[in-house]
Amino acid sequence: MRRRLALGLFLLAGAVQAQPLVYDGEALRDVIEDVERRTPWRFLYSDALVAGRTVDLRTDAASLPDTLGQVLAPDGIGVEADYERQRILLVPAGPTPVGETRIVRG
């Protein structure tokens, strides 16, 4: 019985990772809310950074950080992903100055 339950949970987790995430001209805020509802990924971002932005995005949960980074780069938004905790940090694009680090608490 436990093996069946474990197998069922494993298959369910795989299905969540494989479901397509498709957005055409959607508000970035709405995309973030939908992704958080449908996947284990959580976002940290400045409201001013995402305000008024729209995106076209086609990916799945496993590829989300990389694909999102490619889509948002032309808009000056960088994507930093913590795969272990499944957190995505949206930051202004550009190099971090030497000796400077980012600390996020919350």
N, C-alpha and C. Protein backbone atom coordinates (compact mmCIF):
# COMPACT_ATOMS: atom_id res chain seq x y z
N MET A 1 0.83 -1.20 0.00
CA MET A 1 0.00 0.00 0.00
C MET A 1 0.87 1.26 0.00
N ARG A 2 1.90 1.28 0.83
CA ARG A 2 2.80 2.44 0.88
C ARG A 2 3.52 2.64 -0.44
N ARG A 3 3.90 1.54 -1.06
CA ARG A 3 4.60 1.65 -2.35
C ARG A 3 3.68 2.26 -3.40
N ARG A 4 2.43 1.87 -3.41
CA ARG A 4 1.47 2.43 -4.37
C ARG A 4 1.28 3.92 -4.13
N LEU A 5 1.17 4.30 -2.86
CA LEU A 5 1.01 5.70 -2.51
C LEU A 5 2.24 6.50 -2.94
N ALA A 6 3.41 5.97 -2.66
CA ALA A 6 4.66 6.64 -3.04
C ALA A 6 4.75 6.77 -4.56
N LEU A 7 4.41 5.72 -5.28
CA LEU A 7 4.43 5.75 -6.74
C LEU A 7 3.43 6.78 -7.26
N GLY A 8 2.26 6.82 -6.68
CA GLY A 8 1.23 7.78 -7.09
C GLY A 8 1.70 9.21 -6.88
N LEU A 9 2.32 9.49 -5.74
CA LEU A 9 2.84 10.83 -5.46
C LEU A 9 3.97 11.19 -6.42
N PHE A 10 4.82 10.22 -6.74
CA PHE A 10 5.92 10.45 -7.68
C PHE A 10 5.37 10.80 -9.06
N LEU A 11 4.37 10.04 -9.52
CA LEU A 11 3.78 10.29 -10.82
C LEU A 11 3.06 11.64 -10.85
N LEU A 12 2.40 11.99 -9.76
CA LEU A 12 1.72 13.28 -9.67
C LEU A 12 2.72 14.42 -9.72
N ALA A 13 3.84 14.29 -9.02
CA ALA A 13 4.88 15.32 -9.04
C ALA A 13 5.44 15.47 -10.44
N GLY A 14 5.63 14.38 -11.15
CA GLY A 14 6.11 14.43 -12.52
C GLY A 14 5.13 15.12 -13.44
N ALA A 15 3.85 14.89 -13.22
CA ALA A 15 2.83 15.52 -14.04
C ALA A 15 2.81 17.03 -13.82
N VAL A 16 3.01 17.47 -12.58
CA VAL A 16 3.06 18.90 -12.28
C VAL A 16 4.24 19.54 -12.99
N GLN A 17 5.40 18.88 -12.99
CA GLN A 17 6.58 19.42 -13.64
C GLN A 17 6.42 19.47 -15.15
N ALA A 18 5.66 18.55 -15.74
CA ALA A 18 5.59 18.44 -17.19
C ALA A 18 4.46 19.28 -17.81
N GLN A 19 3.55 19.80 -17.00
CA GLN A 19 2.44 20.53 -17.59
C GLN A 19 2.94 21.80 -18.29
N PRO A 20 2.41 22.08 -19.47
CA PRO A 20 2.88 23.25 -20.21
C PRO A 20 2.40 24.55 -19.58
N LEU A 21 3.26 25.54 -19.62
CA LEU A 21 2.95 26.89 -19.17
C LEU A 21 3.01 27.75 -20.42
N VAL A 22 1.84 28.24 -20.88
CA VAL A 22 1.77 28.99 -22.13
C VAL A 22 1.03 30.30 -21.86
N TYR A 23 1.70 31.41 -22.20
CA TYR A 23 1.14 32.74 -22.00
C TYR A 23 1.46 33.57 -23.25
N ASP A 24 0.47 34.25 -23.78
CA ASP A 24 0.64 35.10 -24.96
C ASP A 24 0.21 36.52 -24.62
N GLY A 25 1.19 37.42 -24.48
CA GLY A 25 0.89 38.81 -24.19
C GLY A 25 0.23 39.04 -22.85
N GLU A 26 0.49 38.16 -21.90
CA GLU A 26 -0.12 38.24 -20.57
C GLU A 26 0.67 39.20 -19.68
N ALA A 27 -0.02 39.85 -18.76
CA ALA A 27 0.65 40.71 -17.77
C ALA A 27 1.59 39.84 -16.94
N LEU A 28 2.80 40.31 -16.73
CA LEU A 28 3.79 39.54 -15.98
C LEU A 28 3.28 39.19 -14.59
N ARG A 29 2.59 40.13 -13.95
CA ARG A 29 2.02 39.84 -12.62
C ARG A 29 1.06 38.65 -12.67
N ASP A 30 0.22 38.60 -13.70
CA ASP A 30 -0.74 37.51 -13.84
C ASP A 30 -0.03 36.18 -14.10
N VAL A 31 1.03 36.24 -14.90
CA VAL A 31 1.82 35.03 -15.17
C VAL A 31 2.43 34.51 -13.87
N ILE A 32 3.01 35.40 -13.07
CA ILE A 32 3.62 35.00 -11.80
C ILE A 32 2.57 34.33 -10.90
N GLU A 33 1.41 34.94 -10.78
CA GLU A 33 0.34 34.37 -9.94
C GLU A 33 -0.08 32.99 -10.43
N ASP A 34 -0.22 32.84 -11.74
CA ASP A 34 -0.63 31.55 -12.30
C ASP A 34 0.45 30.49 -12.10
N VAL A 35 1.70 30.85 -12.33
CA VAL A 35 2.81 29.90 -12.14
C VAL A 35 2.87 29.47 -10.68
N GLU A 36 2.71 30.40 -9.75
CA GLU A 36 2.74 30.04 -8.32
C GLU A 36 1.57 29.13 -7.95
N ARG A 37 0.43 29.31 -8.60
CA ARG A 37 -0.73 28.46 -8.32
C ARG A 37 -0.56 27.06 -8.91
N ARG A 38 0.09 26.97 -10.07
CA ARG A 38 0.17 25.70 -10.79
C ARG A 38 1.45 24.90 -10.57
N THR A 39 2.48 25.51 -9.99
CA THR A 39 3.77 24.83 -9.83
C THR A 39 4.31 25.07 -8.42
N PRO A 40 5.39 24.40 -8.06
CA PRO A 40 6.02 24.65 -6.75
C PRO A 40 6.86 25.93 -6.72
N TRP A 41 7.10 26.58 -7.86
CA TRP A 41 7.94 27.78 -7.91
C TRP A 41 7.27 28.96 -7.22
N ARG A 42 8.08 29.74 -6.47
CA ARG A 42 7.63 30.96 -5.81
C ARG A 42 8.54 32.10 -6.25
N PHE A 43 8.00 33.31 -6.33
CA PHE A 43 8.73 34.47 -6.85
C PHE A 43 8.97 35.52 -5.77
N LEU A 44 10.10 36.20 -5.89
CA LEU A 44 10.43 37.38 -5.10
C LEU A 44 10.78 38.46 -6.11
N TYR A 45 10.16 39.64 -5.97
CA TYR A 45 10.40 40.71 -6.95
C TYR A 45 9.89 42.03 -6.41
N SER A 46 10.41 43.10 -6.99
CA SER A 46 9.93 44.44 -6.71
C SER A 46 8.70 44.69 -7.58
N ASP A 47 7.65 45.21 -6.98
CA ASP A 47 6.43 45.47 -7.72
C ASP A 47 6.69 46.42 -8.89
N ALA A 48 7.55 47.42 -8.68
CA ALA A 48 7.85 48.38 -9.74
C ALA A 48 8.55 47.71 -10.93
N LEU A 49 9.28 46.63 -10.67
CA LEU A 49 10.01 45.95 -11.73
C LEU A 49 9.08 45.24 -12.71
N VAL A 50 7.96 44.73 -12.23
CA VAL A 50 7.05 43.95 -13.08
C VAL A 50 5.83 44.74 -13.55
N ALA A 51 5.61 45.92 -12.97
CA ALA A 51 4.42 46.71 -13.29
C ALA A 51 4.38 47.06 -14.78
N GLY A 52 3.24 46.81 -15.39
CA GLY A 52 3.02 47.18 -16.78
C GLY A 52 3.74 46.31 -17.81
N ARG A 53 4.39 45.24 -17.40
CA ARG A 53 5.13 44.38 -18.34
C ARG A 53 4.25 43.21 -18.76
N THR A 54 4.38 42.83 -20.01
CA THR A 54 3.69 41.66 -20.53
C THR A 54 4.72 40.69 -21.08
N VAL A 55 4.34 39.41 -21.17
CA VAL A 55 5.26 38.39 -21.66
C VAL A 55 4.55 37.40 -22.57
N ASP A 56 5.35 36.85 -23.48
CA ASP A 56 4.97 35.68 -24.26
C ASP A 56 5.89 34.57 -23.77
N LEU A 57 5.33 33.49 -23.26
CA LEU A 57 6.14 32.44 -22.63
C LEU A 57 5.56 31.08 -22.94
N ARG A 58 6.43 30.16 -23.34
CA ARG A 58 6.07 28.76 -23.57
C ARG A 58 7.16 27.90 -22.94
N THR A 59 6.80 27.19 -21.88
CA THR A 59 7.78 26.39 -21.16
C THR A 59 7.05 25.37 -20.30
N ASP A 60 7.80 24.67 -19.45
CA ASP A 60 7.22 23.81 -18.42
C ASP A 60 7.90 24.19 -17.11
N ALA A 61 7.42 23.64 -16.01
CA ALA A 61 7.93 24.02 -14.69
C ALA A 61 9.42 23.74 -14.53
N ALA A 62 9.90 22.66 -15.11
CA ALA A 62 11.31 22.29 -14.97
C ALA A 62 12.23 23.28 -15.68
N SER A 63 11.79 23.84 -16.80
CA SER A 63 12.60 24.76 -17.60
C SER A 63 12.28 26.23 -17.33
N LEU A 64 11.36 26.48 -16.41
CA LEU A 64 10.87 27.83 -16.19
C LEU A 64 11.96 28.88 -15.95
N PRO A 65 12.89 28.70 -15.02
CA PRO A 65 13.86 29.76 -14.76
C PRO A 65 14.68 30.14 -15.98
N ASP A 66 15.17 29.16 -16.72
CA ASP A 66 15.99 29.44 -17.90
C ASP A 66 15.19 30.15 -18.99
N THR A 67 14.01 29.63 -19.28
CA THR A 67 13.18 30.22 -20.32
C THR A 67 12.72 31.62 -19.93
N LEU A 68 12.32 31.79 -18.69
CA LEU A 68 11.87 33.09 -18.21
C LEU A 68 13.02 34.10 -18.28
N GLY A 69 14.22 33.67 -17.95
CA GLY A 69 15.39 34.54 -18.04
C GLY A 69 15.62 35.03 -19.45
N GLN A 70 15.47 34.15 -20.43
CA GLN A 70 15.64 34.52 -21.83
C GLN A 70 14.55 35.50 -22.29
N VAL A 71 13.33 35.28 -21.83
CA VAL A 71 12.20 36.12 -22.24
C VAL A 71 12.29 37.51 -21.60
N LEU A 72 12.73 37.59 -20.34
CA LEU A 72 12.74 38.86 -19.63
C LEU A 72 14.01 39.69 -19.85
N ALA A 73 15.08 39.08 -20.31
CA ALA A 73 16.36 39.80 -20.49
C ALA A 73 16.22 41.04 -21.37
N PRO A 74 15.53 40.98 -22.51
CA PRO A 74 15.41 42.19 -23.33
C PRO A 74 14.68 43.35 -22.62
N ASP A 75 13.87 43.03 -21.60
CA ASP A 75 13.16 44.05 -20.83
C ASP A 75 13.98 44.55 -19.64
N GLY A 76 15.23 44.08 -19.52
CA GLY A 76 16.08 44.54 -18.42
C GLY A 76 15.79 43.87 -17.09
N ILE A 77 15.23 42.67 -17.14
CA ILE A 77 14.93 41.93 -15.91
C ILE A 77 15.78 40.66 -15.88
N GLY A 78 16.52 40.49 -14.80
CA GLY A 78 17.32 39.29 -14.62
C GLY A 78 16.58 38.28 -13.76
N VAL A 79 16.90 37.01 -13.97
CA VAL A 79 16.26 35.92 -13.22
C VAL A 79 17.34 35.14 -12.49
N GLU A 80 17.22 35.05 -11.17
CA GLU A 80 18.12 34.25 -10.35
C GLU A 80 17.28 33.17 -9.69
N ALA A 81 17.63 31.91 -9.92
CA ALA A 81 16.82 30.79 -9.43
C ALA A 81 17.53 30.02 -8.34
N ASP A 82 16.78 29.66 -7.31
CA ASP A 82 17.24 28.76 -6.26
C ASP A 82 16.47 27.46 -6.50
N TYR A 83 17.14 26.51 -7.14
CA TYR A 83 16.47 25.26 -7.53
C TYR A 83 16.12 24.40 -6.32
N GLU A 84 16.91 24.48 -5.28
CA GLU A 84 16.65 23.66 -4.09
C GLU A 84 15.36 24.09 -3.40
N ARG A 85 15.17 25.39 -3.24
CA ARG A 85 13.97 25.91 -2.57
C ARG A 85 12.87 26.29 -3.55
N GLN A 86 13.16 26.19 -4.84
CA GLN A 86 12.24 26.54 -5.92
C GLN A 86 11.72 27.97 -5.76
N ARG A 87 12.69 28.88 -5.68
CA ARG A 87 12.41 30.31 -5.59
C ARG A 87 13.04 31.00 -6.78
N ILE A 88 12.34 31.96 -7.35
CA ILE A 88 12.85 32.76 -8.46
C ILE A 88 12.87 34.22 -8.02
N LEU A 89 14.05 34.82 -8.11
CA LEU A 89 14.24 36.23 -7.77
C LEU A 89 14.34 37.02 -9.06
N LEU A 90 13.45 38.00 -9.24
CA LEU A 90 13.50 38.88 -10.40
C LEU A 90 14.21 40.15 -9.97
N VAL A 91 15.25 40.52 -10.71
CA VAL A 91 16.09 41.67 -10.36
C VAL A 91 16.35 42.52 -11.61
N PRO A 92 16.71 43.79 -11.43
CA PRO A 92 17.12 44.56 -12.59
C PRO A 92 18.33 43.88 -13.24
N ALA A 93 18.30 43.76 -14.56
CA ALA A 93 19.39 43.06 -15.26
C ALA A 93 20.66 43.90 -15.22
N GLY A 94 21.75 43.21 -15.33
CA GLY A 94 23.05 43.86 -15.33
C GLY A 94 23.95 43.17 -14.33
N PRO A 95 25.22 43.36 -14.46
CA PRO A 95 26.15 42.69 -13.56
C PRO A 95 26.07 43.25 -12.14
N THR A 96 26.28 42.38 -11.17
CA THR A 96 26.37 42.81 -9.79
C THR A 96 27.77 43.38 -9.60
N PRO A 97 27.88 44.61 -9.08
CA PRO A 97 29.22 45.18 -8.89
C PRO A 97 30.11 44.29 -8.04
N VAL A 98 31.41 44.33 -8.33
CA VAL A 98 32.39 43.52 -7.62
C VAL A 98 32.30 43.82 -6.12
N GLY A 99 32.27 42.78 -5.33
CA GLY A 99 32.22 42.93 -3.88
C GLY A 99 30.83 43.11 -3.32
N GLU A 100 29.83 43.25 -4.19
CA GLU A 100 28.45 43.43 -3.73
C GLU A 100 27.71 42.11 -3.82
N THR A 101 26.94 41.82 -2.81
CA THR A 101 26.12 40.62 -2.82
C THR A 101 24.67 41.01 -2.58
N ARG A 102 23.76 40.15 -2.99
CA ARG A 102 22.33 40.37 -2.74
C ARG A 102 21.90 39.49 -1.60
N ILE A 103 21.18 40.07 -0.66
CA ILE A 103 20.62 39.31 0.45
C ILE A 103 19.12 39.52 0.41
N VAL A 104 18.39 38.43 0.40
CA VAL A 104 16.92 38.50 0.39
C VAL A 104 16.42 37.82 1.65
N ARG A 105 15.59 38.53 2.37
CA ARG A 105 14.99 37.97 3.59
C ARG A 105 13.49 38.12 3.50
N GLY A 106 12.82 37.21 4.12
CA GLY A 106 11.36 37.36 4.11
C GLY A 106 10.67 36.08 4.42
